[in-house]
PDB file of N, CA and C in Angstrom:
ATOM      1  N   MET A   1     108.688 150.261  92.912  1.00  0.00           N
ATOM      2  CA  MET A   1     108.431 150.999  94.111  1.00  0.00           C
ATOM      3  C   MET A   1     109.726 151.232  94.892  1.00  0.00           C
ATOM      4  N   VAL A   2     110.601 150.231  94.922  1.00  0.00           N
ATOM      5  CA  VAL A   2     111.865 150.383  95.629  1.00  0.00           C
ATOM      6  C   VAL A   2     112.694 151.480  94.996  1.00  0.00           C
ATOM      7  N   GLY A   3     112.666 151.559  93.692  1.00  0.00           N
ATOM      8  CA  GLY A   3     113.424 152.581  92.986  1.00  0.00           C
ATOM      9  C   GLY A   3     112.983 153.983  93.355  1.00  0.00           C
ATOM     10  N   GLU A   4     111.748 154.146  93.723  1.00  0.00           N
ATOM     11  CA  GLU A   4     111.238 155.453  94.096  1.00  0.00           C
ATOM     12  C   GLU A   4     111.732 155.850  95.480  1.00  0.00           C
ATOM     13  N   ILE A   5     111.897 154.885  96.371  1.00  0.00           N
ATOM     14  CA  ILE A   5     112.307 155.179  97.734  1.00  0.00           C
ATOM     15  C   ILE A   5     113.814 155.330  97.835  1.00  0.00           C
ATOM     16  N   ILE A   6     114.537 154.418  97.246  1.00  0.00           N
ATOM     17  CA  ILE A   6     115.995 154.438  97.310  1.00  0.00           C
ATOM     18  C   ILE A   6     116.523 154.750  95.915  1.00  0.00           C
ATOM     19  N   GLU A   7     117.262 155.815  95.842  1.00  0.00           N
ATOM     20  CA  GLU A   7     117.824 156.202  94.545  1.00  0.00           C
ATOM     21  C   GLU A   7     118.957 155.263  94.173  1.00  0.00           C
ATOM     22  N   LYS A   8     118.970 154.845  92.931  1.00  0.00           N
ATOM     23  CA  LYS A   8     120.051 153.995  92.447  1.00  0.00           C
ATOM     24  C   LYS A   8     121.292 154.843  92.246  1.00  0.00           C
ATOM     25  N   SER A   9     122.398 154.270  92.640  1.00  0.00           N
ATOM     26  CA  SER A   9     123.652 154.982  92.405  1.00  0.00           C
ATOM     27  C   SER A   9     124.495 154.152  91.442  1.00  0.00           C
ATOM     28  N   LYS A  10     125.246 154.827  90.661  1.00  0.00           N
ATOM     29  CA  LYS A  10     126.070 154.146  89.681  1.00  0.00           C
ATOM     30  C   LYS A  10     127.401 153.790  90.329  1.00  0.00           C
ATOM     31  N   ARG A  11     127.798 152.558  90.188  1.00  0.00           N
ATOM     32  CA  ARG A  11     129.069 152.107  90.760  1.00  0.00           C
ATOM     33  C   ARG A  11     130.009 151.709  89.637  1.00  0.00           C
ATOM     34  N   ASN A  12     131.242 151.945  89.882  1.00  0.00           N
ATOM     35  CA  ASN A  12     132.249 151.550  88.900  1.00  0.00           C
ATOM     36  C   ASN A  12     132.513 150.060  89.016  1.00  0.00           C
ATOM     37  N   ARG A  13     132.758 149.448  87.898  1.00  0.00           N
ATOM     38  CA  ARG A  13     133.095 148.021  87.910  1.00  0.00           C
ATOM     39  C   ARG A  13     134.528 147.856  88.383  1.00  0.00           C
ATOM     40  N   ILE A  14     134.759 146.755  89.080  1.00  0.00           N
ATOM     41  CA  ILE A  14     136.104 146.454  89.570  1.00  0.00           C
ATOM     42  C   ILE A  14     136.565 145.170  88.894  1.00  0.00           C
ATOM     43  N   TYR A  15     137.729 145.199  88.316  1.00  0.00           N
ATOM     44  CA  TYR A  15     138.306 144.037  87.660  1.00  0.00           C
ATOM     45  C   TYR A  15     139.484 143.548  88.491  1.00  0.00           C
ATOM     46  N   THR A  16     139.622 142.237  88.609  1.00  0.00           N
ATOM     47  CA  THR A  16     140.744 141.665  89.361  1.00  0.00           C
ATOM     48  C   THR A  16     141.580 140.797  88.446  1.00  0.00           C
ATOM     49  N   THR A  17     142.779 140.517  88.885  1.00  0.00           N
ATOM     50  CA  THR A  17     143.673 139.702  88.075  1.00  0.00           C
ATOM     51  C   THR A  17     144.075 138.414  88.784  1.00  0.00           C
ATOM     52  N   PHE A  18     143.493 138.130  89.949  1.00  0.00           N
ATOM     53  CA  PHE A  18     143.873 136.899  90.645  1.00  0.00           C
ATOM     54  C   PHE A  18     142.966 135.742  90.208  1.00  0.00           C
ATOM     55  N   LEU A  19     143.482 134.544  90.351  1.00  0.00           N
ATOM     56  CA  LEU A  19     142.737 133.348  89.972  1.00  0.00           C
ATOM     57  C   LEU A  19     142.162 132.669  91.211  1.00  0.00           C
ATOM     58  N   ASP A  20     140.987 132.144  91.066  1.00  0.00           N
ATOM     59  CA  ASP A  20     140.400 131.355  92.149  1.00  0.00           C
ATOM     60  C   ASP A  20     141.037 129.984  92.134  1.00  0.00           C
ATOM     61  N   GLU A  21     141.413 129.508  93.300  1.00  0.00           N
ATOM     62  CA  GLU A  21     141.986 128.177  93.388  1.00  0.00           C
ATOM     63  C   GLU A  21     141.093 127.309  94.264  1.00  0.00           C
ATOM     64  N   LEU A  22     140.828 126.119  93.783  1.00  0.00           N
ATOM     65  CA  LEU A  22     140.033 125.171  94.546  1.00  0.00           C
ATOM     66  C   LEU A  22     140.953 124.172  95.225  1.00  0.00           C
ATOM     67  N   GLY A  23     140.622 123.844  96.450  1.00  0.00           N
ATOM     68  CA  GLY A  23     141.369 122.814  97.155  1.00  0.00           C
ATOM     69  C   GLY A  23     140.781 121.449  96.820  1.00  0.00           C
ATOM     70  N   PRO A  24     141.188 120.450  97.555  1.00  0.00           N
ATOM     71  CA  PRO A  24     140.634 119.122  97.290  1.00  0.00           C
ATOM     72  C   PRO A  24     139.130 119.103  97.579  1.00  0.00           C
ATOM     73  N   THR A  25     138.400 118.356  96.788  1.00  0.00           N
ATOM     74  CA  THR A  25     136.947 118.292  96.951  1.00  0.00           C
ATOM     75  C   THR A  25     136.548 116.969  97.589  1.00  0.00           C
ATOM     76  N   SER A  26     135.437 117.003  98.238  1.00  0.00           N
ATOM     77  CA  SER A  26     134.876 115.779  98.798  1.00  0.00           C
ATOM     78  C   SER A  26     133.360 115.921  98.838  1.00  0.00           C
ATOM     79  N   GLU A  27     132.696 114.802  98.752  1.00  0.00           N
ATOM     80  CA  GLU A  27     131.242 114.816  98.803  1.00  0.00           C
ATOM     81  C   GLU A  27     130.793 114.805 100.256  1.00  0.00           C
ATOM     82  N   ILE A  28     129.755 115.574 100.523  1.00  0.00           N
ATOM     83  CA  ILE A  28     129.155 115.541 101.850  1.00  0.00           C
ATOM     84  C   ILE A  28     127.672 115.244 101.690  1.00  0.00           C
ATOM     85  N   GLU A  29     127.129 114.580 102.659  1.00  0.00           N
ATOM     86  CA  GLU A  29     125.712 114.245 102.625  1.00  0.00           C
ATOM     87  C   GLU A  29     125.028 114.980 103.761  1.00  0.00           C
ATOM     88  N   ILE A  30     124.058 115.801 103.407  1.00  0.00           N
ATOM     89  CA  ILE A  30     123.316 116.546 104.411  1.00  0.00           C
ATOM     90  C   ILE A  30     122.034 115.778 104.685  1.00  0.00           C
ATOM     91  N   VAL A  31     122.015 115.105 105.824  1.00  0.00           N
ATOM     92  CA  VAL A  31     120.889 114.255 106.159  1.00  0.00           C
ATOM     93  C   VAL A  31     120.122 114.772 107.368  1.00  0.00           C
ATOM     94  N   ALA A  32     120.812 115.260 108.364  1.00  0.00           N
ATOM     95  CA  ALA A  32     120.206 115.578 109.651  1.00  0.00           C
ATOM     96  C   ALA A  32     119.020 116.524 109.540  1.00  0.00           C
ATOM     97  N   ALA A  33     119.170 117.642 108.858  1.00  0.00           N
ATOM     98  CA  ALA A  33     118.090 118.623 108.802  1.00  0.00           C
ATOM     99  C   ALA A  33     116.889 118.071 108.065  1.00  0.00           C
ATOM    100  N   SER A  34     117.107 117.466 106.924  1.00  0.00           N
ATOM    101  CA  SER A  34     115.981 116.964 106.154  1.00  0.00           C
ATOM    102  C   SER A  34     115.393 115.708 106.789  1.00  0.00           C
ATOM    103  N   ALA A  35     116.196 114.943 107.496  1.00  0.00           N
ATOM    104  CA  ALA A  35     115.694 113.724 108.128  1.00  0.00           C
ATOM    105  C   ALA A  35     114.704 114.051 109.231  1.00  0.00           C
ATOM    106  N   GLU A  36     114.975 115.103 110.002  1.00  0.00           N
ATOM    107  CA  GLU A  36     114.054 115.477 111.073  1.00  0.00           C
ATOM    108  C   GLU A  36     112.723 115.952 110.507  1.00  0.00           C
ATOM    109  N   ILE A  37     112.778 116.779 109.486  1.00  0.00           N
ATOM    110  CA  ILE A  37     111.556 117.269 108.862  1.00  0.00           C
ATOM    111  C   ILE A  37     110.802 116.114 108.243  1.00  0.00           C
ATOM    112  N   ASP A  38     111.521 115.245 107.572  1.00  0.00           N
ATOM    113  CA  ASP A  38     110.916 114.069 106.952  1.00  0.00           C
ATOM    114  C   ASP A  38     110.267 113.185 108.009  1.00  0.00           C
ATOM    115  N   PHE A  39     110.915 113.030 109.163  1.00  0.00           N
ATOM    116  CA  PHE A  39     110.375 112.178 110.214  1.00  0.00           C
ATOM    117  C   PHE A  39     109.094 112.774 110.793  1.00  0.00           C
ATOM    118  N   GLU A  40     109.017 114.084 110.913  1.00  0.00           N
ATOM    119  CA  GLU A  40     107.792 114.728 111.409  1.00  0.00           C
ATOM    120  C   GLU A  40     106.636 114.508 110.432  1.00  0.00           C
ATOM    121  N   ARG A  41     106.921 114.605 109.148  1.00  0.00           N
ATOM    122  CA  ARG A  41     105.889 114.324 108.138  1.00  0.00           C
ATOM    123  C   ARG A  41     105.458 112.863 108.217  1.00  0.00           C
ATOM    124  N   PHE A  42     106.437 111.998 108.394  1.00  0.00           N
ATOM    125  CA  PHE A  42     106.141 110.570 108.513  1.00  0.00           C
ATOM    126  C   PHE A  42     105.242 110.312 109.725  1.00  0.00           C
ATOM    127  N   LYS A  43     105.552 110.924 110.867  1.00  0.00           N
ATOM    128  CA  LYS A  43     104.739 110.744 112.069  1.00  0.00           C
ATOM    129  C   LYS A  43     103.292 111.180 111.825  1.00  0.00           C
ATOM    130  N   ALA A  44     103.117 112.298 111.146  1.00  0.00           N
ATOM    131  CA  ALA A  44     101.772 112.783 110.845  1.00  0.00           C
ATOM    132  C   ALA A  44     101.030 111.797 109.937  1.00  0.00           C
ATOM    133  N   LYS A  45     101.731 111.244 108.975  1.00  0.00           N
ATOM    134  CA  LYS A  45     101.137 110.268 108.057  1.00  0.00           C
ATOM    135  C   LYS A  45     100.742 108.995 108.808  1.00  0.00           C
ATOM    136  N   VAL A  46     101.613 108.526 109.704  1.00  0.00           N
ATOM    137  CA  VAL A  46     101.316 107.324 110.490  1.00  0.00           C
ATOM    138  C   VAL A  46     100.132 107.579 111.412  1.00  0.00           C
ATOM    139  N   GLN A  47     100.106 108.745 112.044  1.00  0.00           N
ATOM    140  CA  GLN A  47      99.012 109.069 112.953  1.00  0.00           C
ATOM    141  C   GLN A  47      97.680 109.064 112.207  1.00  0.00           C
ATOM    142  N   HIS A  48      97.660 109.646 111.032  1.00  0.00           N
ATOM    143  CA  HIS A  48      96.435 109.651 110.223  1.00  0.00           C
ATOM    144  C   HIS A  48      96.018 108.223 109.868  1.00  0.00           C
ATOM    145  N   PHE A  49      96.988 107.416 109.457  1.00  0.00           N
ATOM    146  CA  PHE A  49      96.699 106.035 109.093  1.00  0.00           C
ATOM    147  C   PHE A  49      96.151 105.261 110.296  1.00  0.00           C
ATOM    148  N   LEU A  50      96.785 105.415 111.451  1.00  0.00           N
ATOM    149  CA  LEU A  50      96.375 104.673 112.643  1.00  0.00           C
ATOM    150  C   LEU A  50      94.970 105.046 113.090  1.00  0.00           C
ATOM    151  N   LYS A  51      94.638 106.308 113.023  1.00  0.00           N
ATOM    152  CA  LYS A  51      93.291 106.735 113.414  1.00  0.00           C
ATOM    153  C   LYS A  51      92.245 106.197 112.445  1.00  0.00           C
ATOM    154  N   ALA A  52      92.613 106.114 111.179  1.00  0.00           N
ATOM    155  CA  ALA A  52      91.685 105.574 110.180  1.00  0.00           C
ATOM    156  C   ALA A  52      91.513 104.060 110.324  1.00  0.00           C
ATOM    157  N   HIS A  53      92.502 103.384 110.932  1.00  0.00           N
ATOM    158  CA  HIS A  53      92.463 101.931 111.078  1.00  0.00           C
ATOM    159  C   HIS A  53      92.510 101.521 112.555  1.00  0.00           C
ATOM    160  N   SER A  54      91.808 102.262 113.382  1.00  0.00           N
ATOM    161  CA  SER A  54      91.834 102.003 114.826  1.00  0.00           C
ATOM    162  C   SER A  54      91.207 100.663 115.198  1.00  0.00           C
ATOM    163  N   ASP A  55      90.478 100.042 114.278  1.00  0.00           N
ATOM    164  CA  ASP A  55      89.860  98.745 114.559  1.00  0.00           C
ATOM    165  C   ASP A  55      90.814  97.569 114.321  1.00  0.00           C
ATOM    166  N   HIS A  56      92.015  97.842 113.816  1.00  0.00           N
ATOM    167  CA  HIS A  56      93.003  96.773 113.607  1.00  0.00           C
ATOM    168  C   HIS A  56      93.386  96.193 114.968  1.00  0.00           C
ATOM    169  N   ILE A  57      93.511  94.890 115.065  1.00  0.00           N
ATOM    170  CA  ILE A  57      93.719  94.206 116.340  1.00  0.00           C
ATOM    171  C   ILE A  57      94.979  94.681 117.068  1.00  0.00           C
ATOM    172  N   VAL A  58      96.065  94.886 116.348  1.00  0.00           N
ATOM    173  CA  VAL A  58      97.320  95.317 116.988  1.00  0.00           C
ATOM    174  C   VAL A  58      97.176  96.740 117.533  1.00  0.00           C
ATOM    175  N   ILE A  59      96.562  97.607 116.768  1.00  0.00           N
ATOM    176  CA  ILE A  59      96.349  98.981 117.210  1.00  0.00           C
ATOM    177  C   ILE A  59      95.400  99.000 118.402  1.00  0.00           C
ATOM    178  N   HIS A  60      94.380  98.167 118.353  1.00  0.00           N
ATOM    179  CA  HIS A  60      93.435  98.057 119.471  1.00  0.00           C
ATOM    180  C   HIS A  60      94.156  97.601 120.742  1.00  0.00           C
ATOM    181  N   LYS A  61      95.051  96.639 120.605  1.00  0.00           N
ATOM    182  CA  LYS A  61      95.815  96.156 121.764  1.00  0.00           C
ATOM    183  C   LYS A  61      96.655  97.280 122.373  1.00  0.00           C
ATOM    184  N   LEU A  62      97.264  98.088 121.528  1.00  0.00           N
ATOM    185  CA  LEU A  62      98.094  99.177 122.022  1.00  0.00           C
ATOM    186  C   LEU A  62      97.268 100.231 122.764  1.00  0.00           C
ATOM    187  N   THR A  63      96.102 100.562 122.235  1.00  0.00           N
ATOM    188  CA  THR A  63      95.273 101.557 122.908  1.00  0.00           C
ATOM    189  C   THR A  63      94.694 101.028 124.214  1.00  0.00           C
ATOM    190  N   ARG A  64      94.568  99.715 124.330  1.00  0.00           N
ATOM    191  CA  ARG A  64      94.034  99.098 125.548  1.00  0.00           C
ATOM    192  C   ARG A  64      95.140  98.668 126.509  1.00  0.00           C
ATOM    193  N   ASN A  65      96.393  98.979 126.169  1.00  0.00           N
ATOM    194  CA  ASN A  65      97.555  98.656 127.001  1.00  0.00           C
ATOM    195  C   ASN A  65      97.710  97.152 127.230  1.00  0.00           C
ATOM    196  N   GLN A  66      97.434  96.399 126.181  1.00  0.00           N
ATOM    197  CA  GLN A  66      97.582  94.954 126.251  1.00  0.00           C
ATOM    198  C   GLN A  66      98.947  94.569 125.675  1.00  0.00           C
ATOM    199  N   PRO A  67      99.555  93.505 126.212  1.00  0.00           N
ATOM    200  CA  PRO A  67     100.872  93.105 125.702  1.00  0.00           C
ATOM    201  C   PRO A  67     100.803  92.639 124.247  1.00  0.00           C
ATOM    202  N   LEU A  68     101.885  92.888 123.540  1.00  0.00           N
ATOM    203  CA  LEU A  68     101.975  92.482 122.139  1.00  0.00           C
ATOM    204  C   LEU A  68     102.796  91.215 122.019  1.00  0.00           C
ATOM    205  N   THR A  69     102.393  90.364 121.097  1.00  0.00           N
ATOM    206  CA  THR A  69     103.157  89.155 120.803  1.00  0.00           C
ATOM    207  C   THR A  69     104.197  89.487 119.734  1.00  0.00           C
ATOM    208  N   LYS A  70     105.074  88.544 119.482  1.00  0.00           N
ATOM    209  CA  LYS A  70     106.075  88.727 118.423  1.00  0.00           C
ATOM    210  C   LYS A  70     105.375  88.924 117.079  1.00  0.00           C
ATOM    211  N   THR A  71     104.298  88.190 116.857  1.00  0.00           N
ATOM    212  CA  THR A  71     103.526  88.319 115.615  1.00  0.00           C
ATOM    213  C   THR A  71     102.907  89.710 115.512  1.00  0.00           C
ATOM    214  N   ASP A  72     102.421  90.238 116.639  1.00  0.00           N
ATOM    215  CA  ASP A  72     101.848  91.596 116.650  1.00  0.00           C
ATOM    216  C   ASP A  72     102.901  92.622 116.241  1.00  0.00           C
ATOM    217  N   ILE A  73     104.103  92.483 116.787  1.00  0.00           N
ATOM    218  CA  ILE A  73     105.189  93.417 116.475  1.00  0.00           C
ATOM    219  C   ILE A  73     105.567  93.329 114.998  1.00  0.00           C
ATOM    220  N   GLU A  74     105.625  92.114 114.479  1.00  0.00           N
ATOM    221  CA  GLU A  74     105.915  91.940 113.051  1.00  0.00           C
ATOM    222  C   GLU A  74     104.827  92.580 112.197  1.00  0.00           C
ATOM    223  N   GLU A  75     103.581  92.429 112.614  1.00  0.00           N
ATOM    224  CA  GLU A  75     102.454  93.031 111.895  1.00  0.00           C
ATOM    225  C   GLU A  75     102.540  94.559 111.949  1.00  0.00           C
ATOM    226  N   LEU A  76     102.937  95.082 113.086  1.00  0.00           N
ATOM    227  CA  LEU A  76     103.092  96.522 113.253  1.00  0.00           C
ATOM    228  C   LEU A  76     104.191  97.058 112.331  1.00  0.00           C
ATOM    229  N   GLU A  77     105.300  96.342 112.252  1.00  0.00           N
ATOM    230  CA  GLU A  77     106.389  96.740 111.353  1.00  0.00           C
ATOM    231  C   GLU A  77     105.916  96.697 109.904  1.00  0.00           C
ATOM    232  N   LYS A  78     105.145  95.668 109.573  1.00  0.00           N
ATOM    233  CA  LYS A  78     104.611  95.524 108.218  1.00  0.00           C
ATOM    234  C   LYS A  78     103.681  96.698 107.885  1.00  0.00           C
ATOM    235  N   ILE A  79     102.847  97.071 108.845  1.00  0.00           N
ATOM    236  CA  ILE A  79     101.944  98.205 108.642  1.00  0.00           C
ATOM    237  C   ILE A  79     102.753  99.470 108.379  1.00  0.00           C
ATOM    238  N   LEU A  80     103.776  99.683 109.191  1.00  0.00           N
ATOM    239  CA  LEU A  80     104.581 100.895 109.042  1.00  0.00           C
ATOM    240  C   LEU A  80     105.316 100.932 107.710  1.00  0.00           C
ATOM    241  N   LEU A  81     105.869  99.795 107.304  1.00  0.00           N
ATOM    242  CA  LEU A  81     106.632  99.753 106.058  1.00  0.00           C
ATOM    243  C   LEU A  81     105.739  99.844 104.826  1.00  0.00           C
ATOM    244  N   GLU A  82     104.673  99.061 104.803  1.00  0.00           N
ATOM    245  CA  GLU A  82     103.856  98.977 103.590  1.00  0.00           C
ATOM    246  C   GLU A  82     102.785 100.060 103.518  1.00  0.00           C
ATOM    247  N   ALA A  83     101.988 100.168 104.553  1.00  0.00           N
ATOM    248  CA  ALA A  83     100.849 101.075 104.492  1.00  0.00           C
ATOM    249  C   ALA A  83     101.220 102.518 104.802  1.00  0.00           C
ATOM    250  N   ALA A  84     102.116 102.719 105.752  1.00  0.00           N
ATOM    251  CA  ALA A  84     102.456 104.079 106.162  1.00  0.00           C
ATOM    252  C   ALA A  84     103.700 104.613 105.459  1.00  0.00           C
ATOM    253  N   GLY A  85     104.382 103.794 104.680  1.00  0.00           N
ATOM    254  CA  GLY A  85     105.523 104.253 103.904  1.00  0.00           C
ATOM    255  C   GLY A  85     106.788 104.526 104.695  1.00  0.00           C
ATOM    256  N   ALA A  86     107.025 103.766 105.734  1.00  0.00           N
ATOM    257  CA  ALA A  86     108.237 103.954 106.538  1.00  0.00           C
ATOM    258  C   ALA A  86     109.464 103.533 105.743  1.00  0.00           C
ATOM    259  N   SER A  87     110.558 104.229 105.989  1.00  0.00           N
ATOM    260  CA  SER A  87     111.835 103.835 105.408  1.00  0.00           C
ATOM    261  C   SER A  87     112.601 103.048 106.469  1.00  0.00           C
ATOM    262  N   THR A  88     113.728 102.501 106.092  1.00  0.00           N
ATOM    263  CA  THR A  88     114.547 101.787 107.081  1.00  0.00           C
ATOM    264  C   THR A  88     115.048 102.761 108.142  1.00  0.00           C
ATOM    265  N   TYR A  89     115.296 104.015 107.752  1.00  0.00           N
ATOM    266  CA  TYR A  89     115.693 105.042 108.717  1.00  0.00           C
ATOM    267  C   TYR A  89     114.580 105.263 109.734  1.00  0.00           C
ATOM    268  N   HIS A  90     113.348 105.417 109.242  1.00  0.00           N
ATOM    269  CA  HIS A  90     112.204 105.617 110.134  1.00  0.00           C
ATOM    270  C   HIS A  90     112.061 104.452 111.109  1.00  0.00           C
ATOM    271  N   LEU A  91     112.117 103.244 110.575  1.00  0.00           N
ATOM    272  CA  LEU A  91     111.924 102.059 111.409  1.00  0.00           C
ATOM    273  C   LEU A  91     113.019 101.947 112.471  1.00  0.00           C
ATOM    274  N   ALA A  92     114.253 102.239 112.092  1.00  0.00           N
ATOM    275  CA  ALA A  92     115.356 102.187 113.063  1.00  0.00           C
ATOM    276  C   ALA A  92     115.164 103.235 114.152  1.00  0.00           C
ATOM    277  N   THR A  93     114.734 104.419 113.776  1.00  0.00           N
ATOM    278  CA  THR A  93     114.487 105.489 114.744  1.00  0.00           C
ATOM    279  C   THR A  93     113.361 105.109 115.695  1.00  0.00           C
ATOM    280  N   ILE A  94     112.317 104.512 115.151  1.00  0.00           N
ATOM    281  CA  ILE A  94     111.160 104.104 115.957  1.00  0.00           C
ATOM    282  C   ILE A  94     111.558 102.998 116.928  1.00  0.00           C
ATOM    283  N   LYS A  95     112.341 102.048 116.460  1.00  0.00           N
ATOM    284  CA  LYS A  95     112.735 100.922 117.317  1.00  0.00           C
ATOM    285  C   LYS A  95     113.593 101.381 118.487  1.00  0.00           C
ATOM    286  N   GLN A  96     114.363 102.445 118.309  1.00  0.00           N
ATOM    287  CA  GLN A  96     115.159 102.976 119.414  1.00  0.00           C
ATOM    288  C   GLN A  96     114.252 103.477 120.531  1.00  0.00           C
ATOM    289  N   GLN A  97     113.155 104.100 120.152  1.00  0.00           N
ATOM    290  CA  GLN A  97     112.191 104.619 121.127  1.00  0.00           C
ATOM    291  C   GLN A  97     111.349 103.487 121.692  1.00  0.00           C
ATOM    292  N   GLY A  98     111.073 102.519 120.873  1.00  0.00           N
ATOM    293  CA  GLY A  98     110.172 101.431 121.223  1.00  0.00           C
ATOM    294  C   GLY A  98     108.959 101.515 120.316  1.00  0.00           C
ATOM    295  N   LEU A  99     108.691 100.455 119.604  1.00  0.00           N
ATOM    296  CA  LEU A  99     107.623 100.443 118.611  1.00  0.00           C
ATOM    297  C   LEU A  99     106.266 100.745 119.241  1.00  0.00           C
ATOM    298  N   GLY A 100     105.963 100.051 120.332  1.00  0.00           N
ATOM    299  CA  GLY A 100     104.681 100.260 121.007  1.00  0.00           C
ATOM    300  C   GLY A 100     104.545 101.661 121.564  1.00  0.00           C
ATOM    301  N   LEU A 101     105.614 102.170 122.163  1.00  0.00           N
ATOM    302  CA  LEU A 101     105.583 103.525 122.723  1.00  0.00           C
ATOM    303  C   LEU A 101     105.380 104.576 121.628  1.00  0.00           C
ATOM    304  N   PHE A 102     106.028 104.361 120.487  1.00  0.00           N
ATOM    305  CA  PHE A 102     105.878 105.289 119.373  1.00  0.00           C
ATOM    306  C   PHE A 102     104.424 105.346 118.909  1.00  0.00           C
ATOM    307  N   ILE A 103     103.844 104.172 118.683  1.00  0.00           N
ATOM    308  CA  ILE A 103     102.460 104.120 118.209  1.00  0.00           C
ATOM    309  C   ILE A 103     101.526 104.715 119.261  1.00  0.00           C
ATOM    310  N   ARG A 104     101.739 104.339 120.517  1.00  0.00           N
ATOM    311  CA  ARG A 104     100.883 104.842 121.591  1.00  0.00           C
ATOM    312  C   ARG A 104     101.009 106.356 121.744  1.00  0.00           C
ATOM    313  N   SER A 105     102.179 106.899 121.465  1.00  0.00           N
ATOM    314  CA  SER A 105     102.355 108.354 121.543  1.00  0.00           C
ATOM    315  C   SER A 105     101.544 109.072 120.469  1.00  0.00           C
ATOM    316  N   LEU A 106     101.245 108.367 119.383  1.00  0.00           N
ATOM    317  CA  LEU A 106     100.473 108.973 118.299  1.00  0.00           C
ATOM    318  C   LEU A 106      98.974 108.797 118.466  1.00  0.00           C
ATOM    319  N   ILE A 107      98.555 107.668 119.030  1.00  0.00           N
ATOM    320  CA  ILE A 107      97.117 107.394 119.117  1.00  0.00           C
ATOM    321  C   ILE A 107      96.559 107.486 120.526  1.00  0.00           C
ATOM    322  N   GLY A 108      97.446 107.554 121.505  1.00  0.00           N
ATOM    323  CA  GLY A 108      96.978 107.689 122.881  1.00  0.00           C
ATOM    324  C   GLY A 108      96.618 106.352 123.504  1.00  0.00           C
ATOM    325  N   LEU A 109      96.113 106.449 124.726  1.00  0.00           N
ATOM    326  CA  LEU A 109      95.738 105.279 125.500  1.00  0.00           C
ATOM    327  C   LEU A 109      94.281 105.424 125.880  1.00  0.00           C
ATOM    328  N   ASP A 110      93.541 104.342 125.782  1.00  0.00           N
ATOM    329  CA  ASP A 110      92.140 104.338 126.170  1.00  0.00           C
ATOM    330  C   ASP A 110      92.013 104.788 127.625  1.00  0.00           C
ATOM    331  N   ARG A 111      90.988 105.565 127.922  1.00  0.00           N
ATOM    332  CA  ARG A 111      90.807 106.126 129.268  1.00  0.00           C
ATOM    333  C   ARG A 111      90.727 105.041 130.333  1.00  0.00           C
ATOM    334  N   GLU A 112      89.960 104.000 130.074  1.00  0.00           N
ATOM    335  CA  GLU A 112      89.816 102.912 131.051  1.00  0.00           C
ATOM    336  C   GLU A 112      91.125 102.158 131.233  1.00  0.00           C
ATOM    337  N   ALA A 113      91.856 101.965 130.143  1.00  0.00           N
ATOM    338  CA  ALA A 113      93.154 101.290 130.229  1.00  0.00           C
ATOM    339  C   ALA A 113      94.139 102.141 131.021  1.00  0.00           C
ATOM    340  N   ALA A 114      94.083 103.463 130.835  1.00  0.00           N
ATOM    341  CA  ALA A 114      94.958 104.360 131.585  1.00  0.00           C
ATOM    342  C   ALA A 114      94.628 104.316 133.073  1.00  0.00           C
ATOM    343  N   LYS A 115      93.336 104.300 133.407  1.00  0.00           N
ATOM    344  CA  LYS A 115      92.921 104.212 134.815  1.00  0.00           C
ATOM    345  C   LYS A 115      93.408 102.909 135.440  1.00  0.00           C
ATOM    346  N   ALA A 116      93.262 101.812 134.711  1.00  0.00           N
ATOM    347  CA  ALA A 116      93.700 100.508 135.224  1.00  0.00           C
ATOM    348  C   ALA A 116      95.214 100.481 135.426  1.00  0.00           C
ATOM    349  N   ALA A 117      95.967 101.041 134.491  1.00  0.00           N
ATOM    350  CA  ALA A 117      97.428 101.071 134.608  1.00  0.00           C
ATOM    351  C   ALA A 117      97.849 101.934 135.796  1.00  0.00           C
ATOM    352  N   PHE A 118      97.165 103.046 135.984  1.00  0.00           N
ATOM    353  CA  PHE A 118      97.496 103.920 137.106  1.00  0.00           C
ATOM    354  C   PHE A 118      97.148 103.259 138.440  1.00  0.00           C
ATOM    355  N   ALA A 119      96.000 102.571 138.492  1.00  0.00           N
ATOM    356  CA  ALA A 119      95.612 101.860 139.720  1.00  0.00           C
ATOM    357  C   ALA A 119      96.620 100.774 140.040  1.00  0.00           C
ATOM    358  N   SER A 120      97.079 100.057 139.024  1.00  0.00           N
ATOM    359  CA  SER A 120      98.096  99.013 139.222  1.00  0.00           C
ATOM    360  C   SER A 120      99.397  99.620 139.736  1.00  0.00           C
ATOM    361  N   PHE A 121      99.759 100.754 139.194  1.00  0.00           N
ATOM    362  CA  PHE A 121     100.965 101.455 139.645  1.00  0.00           C
ATOM    363  C   PHE A 121     100.851 101.861 141.114  1.00  0.00           C
ATOM    364  N   LEU A 122      99.695 102.382 141.479  1.00  0.00           N
ATOM    365  CA  LEU A 122      99.484 102.795 142.871  1.00  0.00           C
ATOM    366  C   LEU A 122      99.523 101.611 143.830  1.00  0.00           C
ATOM    367  N   MET A 123      98.956 100.492 143.404  1.00  0.00           N
ATOM    368  CA  MET A 123      98.935  99.289 144.251  1.00  0.00           C
ATOM    369  C   MET A 123     100.363  98.767 144.485  1.00  0.00           C
ATOM    370  N   GLN A 124     101.222  98.878 143.479  1.00  0.00           N
ATOM    371  CA  GLN A 124     102.614  98.435 143.619  1.00  0.00           C
ATOM    372  C   GLN A 124     103.380  99.333 144.567  1.00  0.00           C
ATOM    373  N   LYS A 125     103.015 100.582 144.665  1.00  0.00           N
ATOM    374  CA  LYS A 125     103.725 101.535 145.522  1.00  0.00           C
ATOM    375  C   LYS A 125     103.304 101.413 146.983  1.00  0.00           C
ATOM    376  N   LEU A 126     102.171 100.788 147.246  1.00  0.00           N
ATOM    377  CA  LEU A 126     101.693 100.668 148.630  1.00  0.00           C
ATOM    378  C   LEU A 126     102.320  99.538 149.345  1.00  0.00           C
TER     379      LEU A 126
END
């Protein structure tokens, strides 16, 4: 179809006599672009897993805005590494944000827990 719209024209071949020269080579690793896309896929996978396992005690604590123990945090890391397929890159990125905040950003906060937290915040401001 393209040939019907645009007529092909014949071009003469051009020959050159110069040589291509390569400079020093070095390996580069392109991580940033693929890491962000990979992390978004990972977040979606974790969110699906967390919703399917919302009855887990650590996840329940997070949705109810209850404090986590050291054991809870270790269990959360274990869940992310084993069940959700987190890499060390993912885990390091999550820890920078905060493990609990990351999980809570994916599963949300229980309505009653949110009301209680907001009421507590208001009481502190008075």
